[in-house]
Amino acid sequence: MPFHTFELERWQSTWENLVRVNLSESGVHPLSLSELLEITGADLDAILALRMVYNQSDGSETLRAAIAALYDGATTDHVTVTVGSSEANFVSCWTLIEPGDRVAIMTPTYWQTYGLAKNFGATVSEFRLDPERGWEPVSADIAEAIAPGTKLVVVTQPNNPTGHILSPDARDAIVARAQEVGAWILADEVYQGAEHSGPATPSLWSGYDRTIVVNGLSKAYGLPGLRIGWIVSSPAFKEQVVRRHDYTVIGPTPLSDHLATLALRSRDRILARTRGILNANYPLLRDWMGQLDPLFDWQAPECGAICFARYRHPTPSLDFVERARREHDILLVPGEHFGLQRYIRFGFGNERDELQSALDTLTPVFAAMRD
């Protein structure tokens, strides 16, 4: 089988630590270790006393209990701690997908699960979010994509790259159709908690026993460097997952496990910081795009530090973002990495002054496109 490269991750991993300003990220400006310790009131002596042993491979009992508390009816037996949500997606797909399986994916999306499905030999169908409907899917498309015989349905909720949160009707339609055909649901919920307003997005965890939830501390919590993610699933599915987890990274580090437990105990304070950054920064990006009218067409994101904007110009987005990187040392994400032409994903979770400076730098470039 041909190997499908994860183009988005190759792009970001190659350049994100080399450019002057990184607007390709979808999370908020990360917490420093000192900020995390201050927020959590951590005992530094206890941290320094940690021994660098092999950690419990599926996560310590204390960390799994803190995660389980976020999901109705879940216990530590439902939770597997992984090295980031990317590993959680990987081992979940590895567990389920075999050559010839049918996988339905909501798109546009973070392309990891799409590439994994292809690399594991599956046939992939898509049900697309419609920008003309505020990024809501069409019910008929859901039913057609999740056809009888579908093994797995993948949903990123809240969505990347659009920042959209599915309506209750759309959620219910997806779950009902998956139940009807007997498919598993993989719900990537890593942006949950980064809503710009209102309550957290309800998890797809409750109500269907073939639901697998993936989440982590990278996006809403501003702690990507801890590399802590998790899977919440039935104990029977967990037993299959951990057998594959043994082949990947074995387990999280003791330090990451400990700090992740502290972070979840201070969850409300950390998420309040995230929401503050989002609500302070999005108006900068919104007003900047408005000044370039009529170049951009976009929907206001409901969640996350991302805005997916279509531009009215024939230049392929991959060519344009490469020019922005090469000439201005600013990293953006092309729509091609989400399967759409003439779109750019703007990250706006940076420090406010840095974001404003980067937008100012890009103004003449986009103004030339508009004119």
Protein backbone atom coordinates (compact mmCIF):
# COMPACT_ATOMS: atom_id res chain seq x y z
CA MET A 1 0.00 0.00 0.00
CA PRO A 2 1.27 3.52 -0.71
CA PHE A 3 2.22 5.55 2.35
CA HIS A 4 0.31 8.79 2.90
CA THR A 5 2.49 11.48 4.46
CA PHE A 6 0.93 13.64 7.17
CA GLU A 7 1.64 16.87 5.29
CA LEU A 8 0.37 19.27 7.96
CA GLU A 9 2.55 17.77 10.65
CA ARG A 10 5.59 17.63 8.35
CA TRP A 11 5.08 21.33 7.55
CA GLN A 12 4.72 22.40 11.17
CA SER A 13 7.41 20.11 12.57
CA THR A 14 9.90 21.33 9.99
CA TRP A 15 9.43 25.07 10.54
CA GLU A 16 7.54 25.92 13.75
CA ASN A 17 10.65 26.26 15.91
CA LEU A 18 12.68 28.06 13.24
CA VAL A 19 10.40 30.93 12.19
CA ARG A 20 10.20 34.34 13.82
CA VAL A 21 6.43 34.09 14.41
CA ASN A 22 4.43 30.88 14.41
CA LEU A 23 0.79 31.46 13.44
CA SER A 24 0.34 27.81 12.52
CA GLU A 25 -0.45 26.67 16.06
CA SER A 26 -4.02 25.92 17.12
CA GLY A 27 -3.51 26.26 20.87
CA VAL A 28 -2.88 29.24 23.10
CA HIS A 29 0.54 30.56 24.13
CA PRO A 30 1.91 27.71 26.29
CA LEU A 31 2.29 28.01 30.02
CA SER A 32 5.82 28.13 31.38
CA LEU A 33 6.73 25.66 34.08
CA SER A 34 6.89 28.45 36.65
CA GLU A 35 3.41 29.67 35.63
CA LEU A 36 2.03 26.16 35.92
CA LEU A 37 3.55 25.71 39.37
CA GLU A 38 2.13 29.05 40.49
CA ILE A 39 -1.38 28.28 39.21
CA THR A 40 -1.42 24.82 40.77
CA GLY A 41 0.31 25.74 44.02
CA ALA A 42 2.65 22.80 43.47
CA ASP A 43 5.20 21.64 46.00
CA LEU A 44 8.53 22.07 44.21
CA ASP A 45 10.31 19.76 46.66
CA ALA A 46 7.86 16.98 45.82
CA ILE A 47 8.58 17.48 42.12
CA LEU A 48 12.33 17.46 42.65
CA ALA A 49 12.01 14.25 44.65
CA LEU A 50 10.36 12.40 41.74
CA ARG A 51 12.38 9.44 40.55
CA MET A 52 12.76 8.97 36.81
CA VAL A 53 11.37 5.46 36.85
CA TYR A 54 9.26 3.73 34.23
CA ASN A 55 5.86 5.20 34.93
CA GLN A 56 2.65 3.18 35.10
CA SER A 57 2.17 2.52 31.39
CA ASP A 58 -1.51 3.51 31.19
CA GLY A 59 -1.00 6.47 33.54
CA SER A 60 -0.89 6.65 37.32
CA GLU A 61 -4.02 5.89 39.29
CA THR A 62 -4.22 9.53 40.42
CA LEU A 63 -4.01 10.93 36.89
CA ARG A 64 -6.52 8.44 35.50
CA ALA A 65 -8.90 9.27 38.36
CA ALA A 66 -8.62 12.99 37.56
CA ILE A 67 -9.42 12.27 33.90
CA ALA A 68 -12.26 9.85 34.68
CA ALA A 69 -13.91 12.53 36.83
CA LEU A 70 -14.47 14.58 33.64
CA TYR A 71 -16.73 11.91 32.10
CA ASP A 72 -20.04 10.73 33.49
CA GLY A 73 -19.86 7.13 34.67
CA ALA A 74 -16.19 6.68 33.80
CA THR A 75 -13.69 5.04 36.17
CA THR A 76 -9.95 4.56 36.00
CA ASP A 77 -10.65 1.29 34.14
CA HIS A 78 -12.00 3.36 31.22
CA VAL A 79 -8.92 5.61 30.90
CA THR A 80 -5.64 5.09 29.05
CA VAL A 81 -3.06 7.88 29.31
CA THR A 82 -1.05 8.37 26.12
CA VAL A 83 1.84 10.51 24.96
CA GLY A 84 -0.31 13.29 23.52
CA SER A 85 -3.66 12.99 21.78
CA SER A 86 -1.80 12.07 18.58
CA GLU A 87 -0.73 8.76 20.11
CA ALA A 88 -4.27 8.31 21.38
CA ASN A 89 -5.60 8.65 17.83
CA PHE A 90 -2.90 6.38 16.47
CA VAL A 91 -3.40 3.44 18.83
CA SER A 92 -7.19 3.75 18.57
CA CYS A 93 -7.04 3.56 14.76
CA TRP A 94 -4.45 0.77 14.92
CA THR A 95 -6.76 -1.20 17.21
CA LEU A 96 -9.82 -0.88 14.98
CA ILE A 97 -8.83 -0.50 11.34
CA GLU A 98 -7.92 -3.44 9.13
CA PRO A 99 -7.35 -3.54 5.36
CA GLY A 100 -10.62 -3.25 3.50
CA ASP A 101 -12.53 -1.60 6.35
CA ARG A 102 -14.77 1.37 5.66
CA VAL A 103 -14.09 4.57 7.64
CA ALA A 104 -16.27 7.71 7.54
CA ILE A 105 -14.59 10.99 8.51
CA MET A 106 -16.08 14.42 9.11
CA THR A 107 -14.07 16.92 7.04
CA PRO A 108 -12.33 19.31 6.97
CA THR A 109 -10.39 17.94 9.89
CA TYR A 110 -6.99 17.38 11.42
CA TRP A 111 -5.69 15.05 8.73
CA GLN A 112 -4.00 12.51 11.04
CA THR A 113 -6.91 10.09 11.25
CA TYR A 114 -7.57 10.39 7.50
CA GLY A 115 -3.96 9.46 6.73
CA LEU A 116 -3.95 6.66 9.30
CA ALA A 117 -7.11 5.14 7.84
CA LYS A 118 -5.52 5.17 4.37
CA ASN A 119 -2.22 3.79 5.67
CA PHE A 120 -4.02 0.94 7.46
CA GLY A 121 -5.74 0.00 4.20
CA ALA A 122 -9.23 1.39 4.77
CA THR A 123 -11.62 2.93 2.27
CA VAL A 124 -12.45 6.47 3.41
CA SER A 125 -15.69 8.36 2.81
CA GLU A 126 -16.28 11.95 3.91
CA PHE A 127 -19.21 13.93 5.20
CA ARG A 128 -18.23 17.53 4.79
CA LEU A 129 -18.93 20.55 6.92
CA ASP A 130 -20.63 23.12 4.71
CA PRO A 131 -19.35 26.73 4.98
CA GLU A 132 -22.63 27.96 3.49
CA ARG A 133 -24.43 26.41 6.48
CA GLY A 134 -22.05 27.83 9.10
CA TRP A 135 -19.89 24.68 8.88
CA GLU A 136 -22.80 22.37 9.72
CA PRO A 137 -22.98 19.04 7.87
CA VAL A 138 -25.92 18.03 5.67
CA SER A 139 -27.98 15.15 7.11
CA ALA A 140 -28.15 13.35 3.78
CA ASP A 141 -24.34 13.46 3.50
CA ILE A 142 -24.01 11.93 6.97
CA ALA A 143 -26.29 9.05 6.04
CA GLU A 144 -24.52 8.47 2.73
CA ALA A 145 -20.98 8.53 4.17
CA ILE A 146 -21.81 6.34 7.18
CA ALA A 147 -23.05 3.52 4.98
CA PRO A 148 -23.92 0.00 6.18
CA GLY A 149 -20.69 -1.85 6.87
CA THR A 150 -18.84 1.23 8.13
CA LYS A 151 -16.37 0.22 10.84
CA LEU A 152 -15.42 3.61 12.25
CA VAL A 153 -16.74 7.18 12.25
CA VAL A 154 -14.26 9.94 13.10
CA VAL A 155 -15.47 13.29 14.45
CA THR A 156 -13.32 16.22 15.59
CA GLN A 157 -15.59 18.14 17.97
CA PRO A 158 -14.99 21.07 18.45
CA ASN A 159 -13.63 21.15 14.94
CA ASN A 160 -10.17 21.82 13.63
CA PRO A 161 -9.63 23.83 11.39
CA THR A 162 -12.94 25.71 11.50
CA GLY A 163 -13.38 26.27 15.25
CA HIS A 164 -17.02 25.18 14.80
CA ILE A 165 -19.06 23.32 17.42
CA LEU A 166 -21.65 20.95 15.98
CA SER A 167 -25.28 21.70 16.72
CA PRO A 168 -27.12 19.17 18.94
CA ASP A 169 -29.10 18.05 15.88
CA ALA A 170 -25.93 17.32 13.89
CA ARG A 171 -24.33 15.48 16.83
CA ASP A 172 -27.44 13.38 17.31
CA ALA A 173 -27.65 12.57 13.59
CA ILE A 174 -24.05 11.33 13.52
CA VAL A 175 -24.43 9.21 16.65
CA ALA A 176 -27.79 7.79 15.53
CA ARG A 177 -26.42 6.81 12.12
CA ALA A 178 -23.33 5.20 13.68
CA GLN A 179 -25.57 3.19 16.00
CA GLU A 180 -27.81 2.20 13.09
CA VAL A 181 -24.92 0.65 11.14
CA GLY A 182 -23.02 -0.61 14.20
CA ALA A 183 -19.95 1.60 13.68
CA TRP A 184 -17.52 2.78 16.31
CA ILE A 185 -17.19 6.54 16.93
CA LEU A 186 -13.77 8.11 17.51
CA ALA A 187 -14.41 11.57 18.97
CA ASP A 188 -11.33 13.78 19.02
CA GLU A 189 -12.29 16.38 21.63
CA VAL A 190 -8.90 18.00 22.20
CA TYR A 191 -10.32 21.55 21.79
CA GLN A 192 -13.00 21.03 24.44
CA GLY A 193 -12.55 23.72 27.10
CA ALA A 194 -11.30 26.35 24.65
CA GLU A 195 -14.77 27.72 23.88
CA HIS A 196 -14.85 31.48 23.47
CA SER A 197 -18.05 31.75 25.53
CA GLY A 198 -20.65 29.60 27.22
CA PRO A 199 -20.20 26.14 28.74
CA ALA A 200 -17.76 23.49 27.61
CA THR A 201 -18.80 21.45 24.58
CA PRO A 202 -20.63 18.29 25.74
CA SER A 203 -18.57 15.16 25.21
CA LEU A 204 -19.79 12.42 22.89
CA TRP A 205 -18.83 9.98 25.64
CA SER A 206 -22.29 9.29 27.04
CA GLY A 207 -25.00 7.29 25.37
CA TYR A 208 -23.30 4.84 22.98
CA ASP A 209 -21.07 1.99 24.12
CA ARG A 210 -18.94 2.04 20.95
CA THR A 211 -17.70 5.57 21.59
CA ILE A 212 -13.98 6.28 22.00
CA VAL A 213 -13.06 9.75 23.27
CA VAL A 214 -9.62 11.27 22.72
CA ASN A 215 -8.44 14.40 24.52
CA GLY A 216 -5.33 15.91 26.05
CA LEU A 217 -3.60 18.92 27.56
CA SER A 218 -2.14 20.45 24.41
CA LYS A 219 -4.80 22.87 23.09
CA ALA A 220 -7.27 24.10 25.69
CA TYR A 221 -4.76 23.79 28.54
CA GLY A 222 -1.74 25.37 26.85
CA LEU A 223 0.50 22.45 27.88
CA PRO A 224 1.55 20.74 24.63
CA GLY A 225 5.06 20.11 25.94
CA LEU A 226 3.82 17.76 28.65
CA ARG A 227 2.79 15.34 25.88
CA ILE A 228 -0.17 14.04 27.85
CA GLY A 229 -3.26 12.76 26.09
CA TRP A 230 -5.85 10.15 26.92
CA ILE A 231 -8.41 7.69 25.62
CA VAL A 232 -11.71 7.11 27.39
CA SER A 233 -13.33 3.89 26.23
CA SER A 234 -14.92 0.70 27.47
CA PRO A 235 -12.62 -1.46 29.62
CA ALA A 236 -12.73 -4.13 26.91
CA PHE A 237 -11.50 -1.68 24.27
CA LYS A 238 -8.88 -0.36 26.68
CA GLU A 239 -7.48 -3.87 27.03
CA GLN A 240 -6.89 -3.95 23.27
CA VAL A 241 -5.45 -0.43 23.21
CA VAL A 242 -2.85 -0.99 25.93
CA ARG A 243 -1.50 -4.02 24.07
CA ARG A 244 -0.65 -1.69 21.18
CA HIS A 245 0.47 1.09 23.53
CA ASP A 246 3.17 -1.37 24.68
CA TYR A 247 4.60 -1.24 21.16
CA THR A 248 4.70 2.56 20.89
CA VAL A 249 5.95 4.59 23.85
CA ILE A 250 5.17 2.24 26.79
CA GLY A 251 4.02 5.09 29.04
CA PRO A 252 4.19 8.77 29.99
CA THR A 253 7.10 10.17 31.98
CA PRO A 254 6.71 10.44 35.78
CA LEU A 255 7.18 14.22 35.58
CA SER A 256 4.52 14.68 32.89
CA ASP A 257 2.12 12.40 34.75
CA HIS A 258 2.61 14.35 37.98
CA LEU A 259 2.28 17.80 36.38
CA ALA A 260 -0.77 16.69 34.37
CA THR A 261 -2.49 15.62 37.59
CA LEU A 262 -1.78 19.02 39.11
CA ALA A 263 -3.07 20.77 35.98
CA LEU A 264 -6.37 18.88 36.01
CA ARG A 265 -6.86 19.72 39.68
CA SER A 266 -6.51 23.41 38.69
CA ARG A 267 -8.50 22.97 35.49
CA ASP A 268 -10.86 25.92 36.01
CA ARG A 269 -8.03 28.42 36.50
CA ILE A 270 -6.09 27.15 33.48
CA LEU A 271 -9.12 27.22 31.20
CA ALA A 272 -9.99 30.73 32.41
CA ARG A 273 -6.52 31.82 31.27
CA THR A 274 -7.14 30.19 27.89
CA ARG A 275 -10.48 31.90 27.43
CA GLY A 276 -8.93 35.24 28.35
CA ILE A 277 -6.29 34.86 25.62
CA LEU A 278 -8.88 33.85 23.02
CA ASN A 279 -11.22 36.73 23.77
CA ALA A 280 -8.40 39.28 23.84
CA ASN A 281 -6.78 38.09 20.61
CA TYR A 282 -9.59 37.14 18.25
CA PRO A 283 -10.76 40.77 17.82
CA LEU A 284 -7.28 41.65 16.53
CA LEU A 285 -7.53 39.02 13.80
CA ARG A 286 -11.19 39.78 13.07
CA ASP A 287 -10.56 43.50 12.63
CA TRP A 288 -7.45 42.88 10.55
CA MET A 289 -9.32 40.63 8.12
CA GLY A 290 -12.17 43.15 8.03
CA GLN A 291 -9.74 45.88 6.95
CA LEU A 292 -8.82 43.69 3.96
CA ASP A 293 -12.43 43.33 2.82
CA PRO A 294 -13.48 41.83 0.42
CA LEU A 295 -10.47 39.48 0.30
CA PHE A 296 -11.53 37.13 3.09
CA ASP A 297 -14.67 35.15 3.79
CA TRP A 298 -14.84 33.42 7.17
CA GLN A 299 -17.08 32.23 9.99
CA ALA A 300 -16.27 33.43 13.50
CA PRO A 301 -14.76 30.46 15.37
CA GLU A 302 -16.65 29.29 18.45
CA CYS A 303 -13.73 27.40 19.93
CA GLY A 304 -9.95 27.29 19.80
CA ALA A 305 -7.27 29.75 18.72
CA ILE A 306 -7.93 29.10 15.02
CA CYS A 307 -9.78 30.86 12.22
CA PHE A 308 -10.24 29.20 8.84
CA ALA A 309 -10.61 31.87 6.18
CA ARG A 310 -11.23 31.58 2.46
CA TYR A 311 -9.52 34.18 0.30
CA ARG A 312 -10.61 35.44 -3.11
CA HIS A 313 -7.42 35.04 -5.13
CA PRO A 314 -6.19 32.28 -7.47
CA THR A 315 -2.83 31.73 -5.74
CA PRO A 316 -2.71 28.20 -4.22
CA SER A 317 -2.54 28.47 -0.45
CA LEU A 318 0.52 26.23 -0.23
CA ASP A 319 2.41 28.63 -2.50
CA PHE A 320 1.25 31.62 -0.50
CA VAL A 321 2.16 30.31 2.96
CA GLU A 322 5.55 29.24 1.69
CA ARG A 323 6.13 32.80 0.49
CA ALA A 324 5.06 34.15 3.91
CA ARG A 325 7.53 31.80 5.58
CA ARG A 326 10.39 32.48 3.21
CA GLU A 327 10.02 36.26 2.90
CA HIS A 328 8.56 37.24 6.28
CA ASP A 329 9.53 34.38 8.64
CA ILE A 330 5.86 33.82 9.58
CA LEU A 331 4.31 30.36 9.55
CA LEU A 332 0.70 29.80 8.47
CA VAL A 333 -1.21 26.64 7.51
CA PRO A 334 -2.46 26.14 3.95
CA GLY A 335 -5.97 24.93 3.23
CA GLU A 336 -4.49 22.12 1.13
CA HIS A 337 -3.44 20.45 4.37
CA PHE A 338 -7.14 20.13 5.19
CA GLY A 339 -8.21 19.14 1.71
CA LEU A 340 -9.50 22.59 0.67
CA GLN A 341 -8.11 25.07 -1.83
CA ARG A 342 -7.71 28.83 -1.25
CA TYR A 343 -8.11 28.66 2.52
CA ILE A 344 -5.65 29.62 5.24
CA ARG A 345 -5.81 28.63 8.89
CA PHE A 346 -4.70 31.51 11.09
CA GLY A 347 -3.64 30.76 14.65
CA PHE A 348 -4.21 33.60 17.09
CA GLY A 349 -3.17 32.13 20.45
CA ASN A 350 0.18 33.94 20.52
CA GLU A 351 1.16 36.66 22.92
CA ARG A 352 -0.95 39.66 21.93
CA ASP A 353 1.91 41.96 20.86
CA GLU A 354 3.49 39.23 18.78
CA LEU A 355 0.19 38.52 17.03
CA GLN A 356 -0.34 42.19 16.23
CA SER A 357 3.20 42.56 14.90
CA ALA A 358 2.82 39.54 12.63
CA LEU A 359 -0.49 40.78 11.24
CA ASP A 360 1.03 44.20 10.58
CA THR A 361 3.86 42.52 8.68
CA LEU A 362 1.41 40.55 6.55
CA THR A 363 -0.88 43.50 5.79
CA PRO A 364 0.85 44.71 2.59
CA VAL A 365 1.13 41.14 1.32
CA PHE A 366 -2.60 40.47 1.64
CA ALA A 367 -3.47 43.99 0.52
CA ALA A 368 -1.65 43.31 -2.75
CA MET A 369 -3.72 40.14 -3.16
CA ARG A 370 -6.92 42.09 -2.51
CA ASP A 371 -6.01 44.84 -4.98
